[in-house]
Amino acid sequence: MAVCEISGKRWMNGSKISHSNIKSPKRFEANIQSKRIFDIESGRWVRVKISTRALKALNKKSLREALGG
């Protein structure tokens, strides 16, 4: 199961609706990417599974601020 390690974003449930309006269960997956991010405070690379929305927020914050510490 793909979960963002920064924001906790994960899949959500919904319905796929056909042209004839038949509803079928569907699972909407979050856009999770595996990235290597350089942590400036510790001076090392960290591999994280991160959503693209959280990756965009990391451009504004440091890794430690994004993790809440």
Foldseek 3Di string as FASTA:
>chain_A
DQAFPQPRDFKDKDWDQDPVRDTDIDIGGFQWDWDWDQQPVVGDIDTGTHGPVLVVVCVVPGPCVSNPD
